[in-house]
Amino acid sequence: MRLNELKLGGSAIIDHVEDHTAGDPVAERLRALGFVPGEPIRIVAVGPIGADPIAVGIGFTRFALRRAEAARVLLRDAA
C-alpha cells in the first residue's frame, strides 16, 4: 500500500521510499525528514479540496505532503 491510499486516521509502518530516478531529490528529502523503514506513520488530516495535501504524523512531528509525494512512500501493516 502507498501512503496516499491510507485513509484519514489510518496507521501503518513505512516499508521504504521509492526513487523515481537515481539520486531522486524528493525521495532523498523524504528520507532526511524521517520517512525511513520501520517508522510508524498515521494520517492526521486531509485538505478540503480533493483531500490534498495530506497531513501525516511520524512520532511527534507532522508533515504536509502532496498526494504525488505521498505516493512514493510504501507501507506495510502496523502489526
N, C-alpha and C. Protein backbone atom coordinates (compact mmCIF):
# COMPACT_ATOMS: atom_id res chain seq x y z
N MET A 1 0.85 -1.17 0.00
CA MET A 1 0.00 0.00 0.00
C MET A 1 0.90 1.24 0.00
N ARG A 2 0.42 2.29 -0.60
CA ARG A 2 1.13 3.57 -0.63
C ARG A 2 0.49 4.54 0.36
N LEU A 3 1.27 5.48 0.83
CA LEU A 3 0.79 6.44 1.82
C LEU A 3 -0.42 7.22 1.33
N ASN A 4 -0.47 7.55 0.05
CA ASN A 4 -1.61 8.31 -0.47
C ASN A 4 -2.90 7.49 -0.49
N GLU A 5 -2.82 6.17 -0.27
CA GLU A 5 -4.01 5.30 -0.23
C GLU A 5 -4.52 5.08 1.19
N LEU A 6 -3.75 5.47 2.19
CA LEU A 6 -4.15 5.29 3.59
C LEU A 6 -5.27 6.28 3.92
N LYS A 7 -6.27 5.82 4.62
CA LYS A 7 -7.43 6.64 4.97
C LYS A 7 -7.14 7.54 6.17
N LEU A 8 -7.92 8.61 6.31
CA LEU A 8 -7.82 9.51 7.45
C LEU A 8 -7.92 8.71 8.75
N GLY A 9 -6.97 8.92 9.65
CA GLY A 9 -6.93 8.19 10.92
C GLY A 9 -6.21 6.86 10.83
N GLY A 10 -5.87 6.43 9.62
CA GLY A 10 -5.20 5.15 9.43
C GLY A 10 -3.74 5.20 9.84
N SER A 11 -3.23 4.05 10.27
CA SER A 11 -1.84 3.92 10.68
C SER A 11 -1.19 2.76 9.95
N ALA A 12 0.12 2.86 9.76
CA ALA A 12 0.89 1.79 9.11
C ALA A 12 2.36 2.00 9.48
N ILE A 13 3.19 1.14 8.94
CA ILE A 13 4.64 1.20 9.14
C ILE A 13 5.28 1.50 7.78
N ILE A 14 6.24 2.40 7.75
CA ILE A 14 6.94 2.70 6.50
C ILE A 14 7.81 1.51 6.10
N ASP A 15 7.65 1.07 4.87
CA ASP A 15 8.49 0.00 4.32
C ASP A 15 9.70 0.60 3.62
N HIS A 16 9.46 1.54 2.70
CA HIS A 16 10.55 2.25 2.04
C HIS A 16 10.00 3.42 1.22
N VAL A 17 10.91 4.28 0.81
CA VAL A 17 10.56 5.40 -0.07
C VAL A 17 11.07 5.04 -1.46
N GLU A 18 10.19 5.17 -2.44
CA GLU A 18 10.51 4.79 -3.82
C GLU A 18 11.21 5.94 -4.54
N ASP A 19 12.34 5.62 -5.18
CA ASP A 19 13.06 6.59 -6.00
C ASP A 19 12.54 6.50 -7.43
N HIS A 20 12.27 7.65 -8.06
CA HIS A 20 11.84 7.65 -9.46
C HIS A 20 13.02 7.70 -10.41
N THR A 21 14.14 8.27 -9.95
CA THR A 21 15.38 8.33 -10.73
C THR A 21 16.54 8.13 -9.78
N ALA A 22 17.71 7.90 -10.32
CA ALA A 22 18.91 7.80 -9.48
C ALA A 22 19.15 9.15 -8.81
N GLY A 23 19.37 9.14 -7.50
CA GLY A 23 19.58 10.39 -6.77
C GLY A 23 18.35 11.27 -6.70
N ASP A 24 17.17 10.67 -6.72
CA ASP A 24 15.90 11.40 -6.70
C ASP A 24 15.85 12.37 -5.52
N PRO A 25 15.82 13.70 -5.77
CA PRO A 25 15.86 14.66 -4.66
C PRO A 25 14.64 14.62 -3.75
N VAL A 26 13.46 14.32 -4.30
CA VAL A 26 12.25 14.26 -3.46
C VAL A 26 12.34 13.06 -2.52
N ALA A 27 12.74 11.91 -3.03
CA ALA A 27 12.87 10.71 -2.19
C ALA A 27 13.96 10.92 -1.13
N GLU A 28 15.06 11.53 -1.50
CA GLU A 28 16.13 11.80 -0.54
C GLU A 28 15.65 12.74 0.56
N ARG A 29 14.88 13.75 0.18
CA ARG A 29 14.37 14.70 1.17
C ARG A 29 13.38 14.02 2.13
N LEU A 30 12.52 13.17 1.60
CA LEU A 30 11.58 12.44 2.45
C LEU A 30 12.34 11.58 3.47
N ARG A 31 13.38 10.89 3.03
CA ARG A 31 14.17 10.07 3.95
C ARG A 31 14.88 10.94 4.99
N ALA A 32 15.38 12.11 4.58
CA ALA A 32 16.04 13.02 5.51
C ALA A 32 15.08 13.55 6.57
N LEU A 33 13.81 13.69 6.20
CA LEU A 33 12.79 14.17 7.15
C LEU A 33 12.33 13.10 8.12
N GLY A 34 12.70 11.83 7.89
CA GLY A 34 12.31 10.76 8.81
C GLY A 34 11.42 9.70 8.23
N PHE A 35 11.16 9.74 6.93
CA PHE A 35 10.36 8.71 6.27
C PHE A 35 11.29 7.53 5.97
N VAL A 36 11.59 6.77 7.03
CA VAL A 36 12.55 5.67 6.93
C VAL A 36 11.87 4.35 7.30
N PRO A 37 12.41 3.23 6.81
CA PRO A 37 11.81 1.92 7.10
C PRO A 37 11.65 1.68 8.60
N GLY A 38 10.48 1.14 8.96
CA GLY A 38 10.19 0.77 10.34
C GLY A 38 9.50 1.85 11.17
N GLU A 39 9.40 3.06 10.65
CA GLU A 39 8.76 4.15 11.41
C GLU A 39 7.24 4.05 11.29
N PRO A 40 6.53 4.13 12.41
CA PRO A 40 5.07 4.19 12.35
C PRO A 40 4.63 5.55 11.80
N ILE A 41 3.56 5.53 11.02
CA ILE A 41 3.05 6.75 10.39
C ILE A 41 1.53 6.71 10.44
N ARG A 42 0.91 7.89 10.53
CA ARG A 42 -0.55 7.95 10.54
C ARG A 42 -1.01 9.19 9.79
N ILE A 43 -2.22 9.12 9.25
CA ILE A 43 -2.84 10.26 8.57
C ILE A 43 -3.62 11.04 9.62
N VAL A 44 -3.25 12.31 9.82
CA VAL A 44 -3.91 13.10 10.85
C VAL A 44 -4.92 14.09 10.28
N ALA A 45 -4.78 14.46 9.01
CA ALA A 45 -5.73 15.39 8.38
C ALA A 45 -5.55 15.33 6.87
N VAL A 46 -6.58 15.78 6.16
CA VAL A 46 -6.50 15.89 4.70
C VAL A 46 -7.07 17.25 4.29
N GLY A 47 -6.60 17.74 3.16
CA GLY A 47 -7.06 19.03 2.67
C GLY A 47 -8.53 18.99 2.27
N PRO A 48 -9.17 20.15 2.23
CA PRO A 48 -10.60 20.22 1.95
C PRO A 48 -10.98 19.97 0.49
N ILE A 49 -10.06 20.19 -0.45
CA ILE A 49 -10.39 20.00 -1.86
C ILE A 49 -9.57 18.86 -2.42
N GLY A 50 -10.24 17.76 -2.74
CA GLY A 50 -9.54 16.60 -3.29
C GLY A 50 -8.65 15.89 -2.30
N ALA A 51 -8.82 16.16 -1.00
CA ALA A 51 -8.02 15.56 0.06
C ALA A 51 -6.53 15.78 -0.17
N ASP A 52 -6.19 16.97 -0.68
CA ASP A 52 -4.80 17.31 -0.96
C ASP A 52 -4.52 18.67 -0.34
N PRO A 53 -3.52 18.84 0.49
CA PRO A 53 -2.47 17.89 0.86
C PRO A 53 -2.92 16.93 1.96
N ILE A 54 -2.01 16.03 2.31
CA ILE A 54 -2.23 15.05 3.38
C ILE A 54 -1.32 15.44 4.54
N ALA A 55 -1.85 15.53 5.75
CA ALA A 55 -1.03 15.78 6.94
C ALA A 55 -0.76 14.43 7.59
N VAL A 56 0.51 14.10 7.76
CA VAL A 56 0.90 12.83 8.35
C VAL A 56 1.69 13.07 9.61
N GLY A 57 1.60 12.13 10.53
CA GLY A 57 2.36 12.19 11.76
C GLY A 57 3.35 11.07 11.85
N ILE A 58 4.60 11.42 12.14
CA ILE A 58 5.65 10.45 12.43
C ILE A 58 6.18 10.86 13.79
N GLY A 59 5.94 10.03 14.79
CA GLY A 59 6.31 10.41 16.15
C GLY A 59 5.53 11.65 16.56
N PHE A 60 6.24 12.67 17.06
CA PHE A 60 5.59 13.91 17.47
C PHE A 60 5.64 14.98 16.40
N THR A 61 6.09 14.61 15.20
CA THR A 61 6.25 15.56 14.11
C THR A 61 5.16 15.37 13.08
N ARG A 62 4.68 16.49 12.52
CA ARG A 62 3.66 16.42 11.46
C ARG A 62 4.21 17.05 10.19
N PHE A 63 3.85 16.45 9.07
CA PHE A 63 4.27 16.92 7.76
C PHE A 63 3.06 17.01 6.85
N ALA A 64 3.06 17.98 5.96
CA ALA A 64 2.05 18.08 4.92
C ALA A 64 2.70 17.66 3.61
N LEU A 65 2.11 16.67 2.95
CA LEU A 65 2.63 16.16 1.69
C LEU A 65 1.58 16.25 0.61
N ARG A 66 2.00 16.54 -0.60
CA ARG A 66 1.10 16.42 -1.74
C ARG A 66 0.86 14.94 -1.98
N ARG A 67 -0.26 14.61 -2.59
CA ARG A 67 -0.57 13.21 -2.86
C ARG A 67 0.51 12.55 -3.72
N ALA A 68 1.09 13.29 -4.66
CA ALA A 68 2.15 12.74 -5.52
C ALA A 68 3.39 12.38 -4.71
N GLU A 69 3.71 13.18 -3.70
CA GLU A 69 4.84 12.88 -2.83
C GLU A 69 4.52 11.68 -1.94
N ALA A 70 3.31 11.65 -1.40
CA ALA A 70 2.90 10.55 -0.53
C ALA A 70 2.88 9.22 -1.27
N ALA A 71 2.64 9.25 -2.57
CA ALA A 71 2.61 8.01 -3.37
C ALA A 71 3.97 7.34 -3.43
N ARG A 72 5.03 8.06 -3.12
CA ARG A 72 6.39 7.49 -3.12
C ARG A 72 6.69 6.66 -1.89
N VAL A 73 5.87 6.83 -0.83
CA VAL A 73 6.11 6.15 0.44
C VAL A 73 5.29 4.86 0.47
N LEU A 74 5.99 3.72 0.48
CA LEU A 74 5.33 2.43 0.53
C LEU A 74 5.25 1.95 1.97
N LEU A 75 4.11 1.33 2.32
CA LEU A 75 3.80 0.97 3.70
C LEU A 75 3.57 -0.53 3.84
N ARG A 76 3.65 -0.97 5.09
CA ARG A 76 3.20 -2.32 5.46
C ARG A 76 2.27 -2.15 6.65
N ASP A 77 1.48 -3.17 6.92
CA ASP A 77 0.51 -3.09 8.02
C ASP A 77 1.19 -2.89 9.35
N ALA A 78 0.56 -2.09 10.20
CA ALA A 78 1.03 -1.92 11.57
C ALA A 78 0.58 -3.14 12.36
N ALA A 79 1.51 -4.01 12.67
CA ALA A 79 1.15 -5.25 13.39
C ALA A 79 1.88 -5.37 14.69
